[in-house]
Amino acid sequence: MSNLLYTIALILVIFWAIGFFAYSAGNLIHILLVIAVIAVILRIIQGKKAI
């Protein structure tokens, strides 16, 4: 599950970067960036709790 979460976060960051340089998606890109950052933070937290 953590690999899936990391993959989703990576994809969202890539979409954010594309949208940031294209200036075509507006605020949606920034929302995707926030979601990606939250996903990475959750992965880090879950990694520390792993047995």
C-alpha atoms as a PDB file:
ATOM      1  CA  MET A   1       0.000   0.000   0.000  1.00  0.00           C
ATOM      2  CA  SER A   2       2.848   2.405   0.752  1.00  0.00           C
ATOM      3  CA  ASN A   3       4.278   1.933  -2.747  1.00  0.00           C
ATOM      4  CA  LEU A   4       0.901   2.865  -4.220  1.00  0.00           C
ATOM      5  CA  LEU A   5       0.724   5.958  -2.010  1.00  0.00           C
ATOM      6  CA  TYR A   6       4.227   6.992  -3.042  1.00  0.00           C
ATOM      7  CA  THR A   7       3.381   6.451  -6.724  1.00  0.00           C
ATOM      8  CA  ILE A   8       0.235   8.569  -6.468  1.00  0.00           C
ATOM      9  CA  ALA A   9       2.171  11.347  -4.746  1.00  0.00           C
ATOM     10  CA  LEU A  10       4.834  11.259  -7.442  1.00  0.00           C
ATOM     11  CA  ILE A  11       2.240  11.442 -10.211  1.00  0.00           C
ATOM     12  CA  LEU A  12       0.528  14.390  -8.515  1.00  0.00           C
ATOM     13  CA  VAL A  13       3.826  16.247  -8.178  1.00  0.00           C
ATOM     14  CA  ILE A  14       4.549  15.668 -11.871  1.00  0.00           C
ATOM     15  CA  PHE A  15       1.094  16.972 -12.819  1.00  0.00           C
ATOM     16  CA  TRP A  16       1.658  19.982 -10.583  1.00  0.00           C
ATOM     17  CA  ALA A  17       4.988  20.736 -12.237  1.00  0.00           C
ATOM     18  CA  ILE A  18       3.470  20.468 -15.711  1.00  0.00           C
ATOM     19  CA  GLY A  19       0.562  22.701 -14.748  1.00  0.00           C
ATOM     20  CA  PHE A  20       2.780  25.192 -12.952  1.00  0.00           C
ATOM     21  CA  PHE A  21       4.819  25.786 -16.071  1.00  0.00           C
ATOM     22  CA  ALA A  22       1.836  25.683 -18.426  1.00  0.00           C
ATOM     23  CA  TYR A  23      -0.362  28.064 -16.359  1.00  0.00           C
ATOM     24  CA  SER A  24      -3.458  26.441 -17.818  1.00  0.00           C
ATOM     25  CA  ALA A  25      -5.065  24.596 -14.922  1.00  0.00           C
ATOM     26  CA  GLY A  26      -5.218  27.422 -12.382  1.00  0.00           C
ATOM     27  CA  ASN A  27      -5.796  26.578  -8.736  1.00  0.00           C
ATOM     28  CA  LEU A  28      -6.449  22.890  -9.400  1.00  0.00           C
ATOM     29  CA  ILE A  29      -2.720  22.292  -9.777  1.00  0.00           C
ATOM     30  CA  HIS A  30      -2.005  23.761  -6.369  1.00  0.00           C
ATOM     31  CA  ILE A  31      -4.669  21.541  -4.821  1.00  0.00           C
ATOM     32  CA  LEU A  32      -2.956  18.545  -6.428  1.00  0.00           C
ATOM     33  CA  LEU A  33       0.353  19.668  -4.931  1.00  0.00           C
ATOM     34  CA  VAL A  34      -1.180  19.849  -1.460  1.00  0.00           C
ATOM     35  CA  ILE A  35      -2.638  16.354  -1.887  1.00  0.00           C
ATOM     36  CA  ALA A  36       0.755  15.045  -3.020  1.00  0.00           C
ATOM     37  CA  VAL A  37       2.529  16.579  -0.034  1.00  0.00           C
ATOM     38  CA  ILE A  38      -0.050  15.094   2.338  1.00  0.00           C
ATOM     39  CA  ALA A  39       0.410  11.684   0.695  1.00  0.00           C
ATOM     40  CA  VAL A  40       4.191  11.868   1.161  1.00  0.00           C
ATOM     41  CA  ILE A  41       3.804  12.909   4.801  1.00  0.00           C
ATOM     42  CA  LEU A  42       1.407  10.032   5.430  1.00  0.00           C
ATOM     43  CA  ARG A  43       3.891   7.619   3.852  1.00  0.00           C
ATOM     44  CA  ILE A  44       6.673   8.897   6.105  1.00  0.00           C
ATOM     45  CA  ILE A  45       4.465   8.574   9.197  1.00  0.00           C
ATOM     46  CA  GLN A  46       3.351   5.064   8.224  1.00  0.00           C
ATOM     47  CA  GLY A  47       6.941   4.054   7.545  1.00  0.00           C
ATOM     48  CA  LYS A  48       7.941   4.958  11.104  1.00  0.00           C
ATOM     49  CA  LYS A  49       5.083   2.925  12.570  1.00  0.00           C
ATOM     50  CA  ALA A  50       5.922  -0.175  10.557  1.00  0.00           C
ATOM     51  CA  ILE A  51       6.997  -3.186  12.614  1.00  0.00           C
END
